[in-house]
Amino acid sequence: MLVLSRRADESILIQPADGIDQHMTLAELFAAGPIQITLLGGTGKRVKVGIDAPAQLQIRRKDEPSA
């Protein structure tokens, strides 16, 4: 399980992993099972999110570029 902390208005990206055929169908991407998202708790303005997903998918924080 990948655990990420996010604040309000911050994002998580879910996309095909590097090296995966970009022409795979959704059925092929999810052949190993669905994505499961679990809210693990929070403090103040942050929440911890646990994500289980098939290996064909890449999950990462979407970080805004610094100005």
Protein backbone atom coordinates (compact mmCIF):
# COMPACT_ATOMS: atom_id res chain seq x y z
CA MET A 1 0.00 0.00 0.00
CA LEU A 2 1.29 3.42 -0.94
CA VAL A 3 0.57 6.06 1.72
CA LEU A 4 0.44 9.74 0.76
CA SER A 5 -0.47 12.84 2.76
CA ARG A 6 -2.43 15.56 0.99
CA ARG A 7 -3.85 18.95 1.92
CA ALA A 8 -7.00 20.54 0.55
CA ASP A 9 -6.66 21.25 -3.19
CA GLU A 10 -3.62 18.93 -3.59
CA SER A 11 -3.90 16.04 -6.05
CA ILE A 12 -2.88 12.45 -6.69
CA LEU A 13 -2.18 11.20 -10.22
CA ILE A 14 -3.07 7.66 -11.31
CA GLN A 15 -1.75 6.71 -14.74
CA PRO A 16 -0.18 3.79 -16.60
CA ALA A 17 3.25 2.96 -15.15
CA ASP A 18 6.44 3.68 -17.10
CA GLY A 19 7.08 0.97 -19.68
CA ILE A 20 3.43 -0.09 -19.91
CA ASP A 21 1.89 -0.15 -23.40
CA GLN A 22 -0.07 3.11 -23.69
CA HIS A 23 -2.63 1.31 -25.88
CA MET A 24 -3.72 -1.15 -23.16
CA THR A 25 -7.46 -1.25 -22.61
CA LEU A 26 -9.00 -0.49 -19.22
CA ALA A 27 -9.82 -4.18 -18.89
CA GLU A 28 -6.13 -5.02 -19.37
CA LEU A 29 -4.96 -2.32 -16.93
CA PHE A 30 -7.34 -3.58 -14.24
CA ALA A 31 -6.98 -7.33 -14.93
CA ALA A 32 -5.13 -7.75 -11.61
CA GLY A 33 -7.90 -6.00 -9.67
CA PRO A 34 -9.34 -2.60 -8.85
CA ILE A 35 -7.82 0.42 -7.14
CA GLN A 36 -8.63 0.54 -3.42
CA ILE A 37 -8.38 3.87 -1.62
CA THR A 38 -8.40 3.93 2.18
CA LEU A 39 -8.53 7.11 4.25
CA LEU A 40 -6.09 6.45 7.09
CA GLY A 41 -6.69 9.55 9.18
CA GLY A 42 -5.60 13.10 9.36
CA THR A 43 -4.29 15.92 11.47
CA GLY A 44 -5.00 19.59 11.03
CA LYS A 45 -5.35 20.29 7.31
CA ARG A 46 -3.71 17.05 6.09
CA VAL A 47 -5.23 13.64 5.41
CA LYS A 48 -3.36 10.35 4.91
CA VAL A 49 -4.56 8.26 1.99
CA GLY A 50 -3.56 4.63 1.42
CA ILE A 51 -3.77 3.35 -2.15
CA ASP A 52 -3.58 -0.26 -3.40
CA ALA A 53 -3.51 -0.59 -7.19
CA PRO A 54 -2.42 -3.04 -9.89
CA ALA A 55 1.28 -2.94 -10.78
CA GLN A 56 0.42 -1.61 -14.25
CA LEU A 57 -0.62 1.68 -12.65
CA GLN A 58 1.61 4.41 -11.27
CA ILE A 59 0.38 6.51 -8.37
CA ARG A 60 2.15 9.67 -7.34
CA ARG A 61 1.63 13.07 -5.81
CA LYS A 62 0.93 15.88 -8.22
CA ASP A 63 3.28 18.59 -7.02
CA GLU A 64 2.85 22.07 -8.30
CA PRO A 65 6.03 23.56 -9.79
CA SER A 66 7.59 26.17 -7.53
CA ALA A 67 7.37 29.78 -8.72
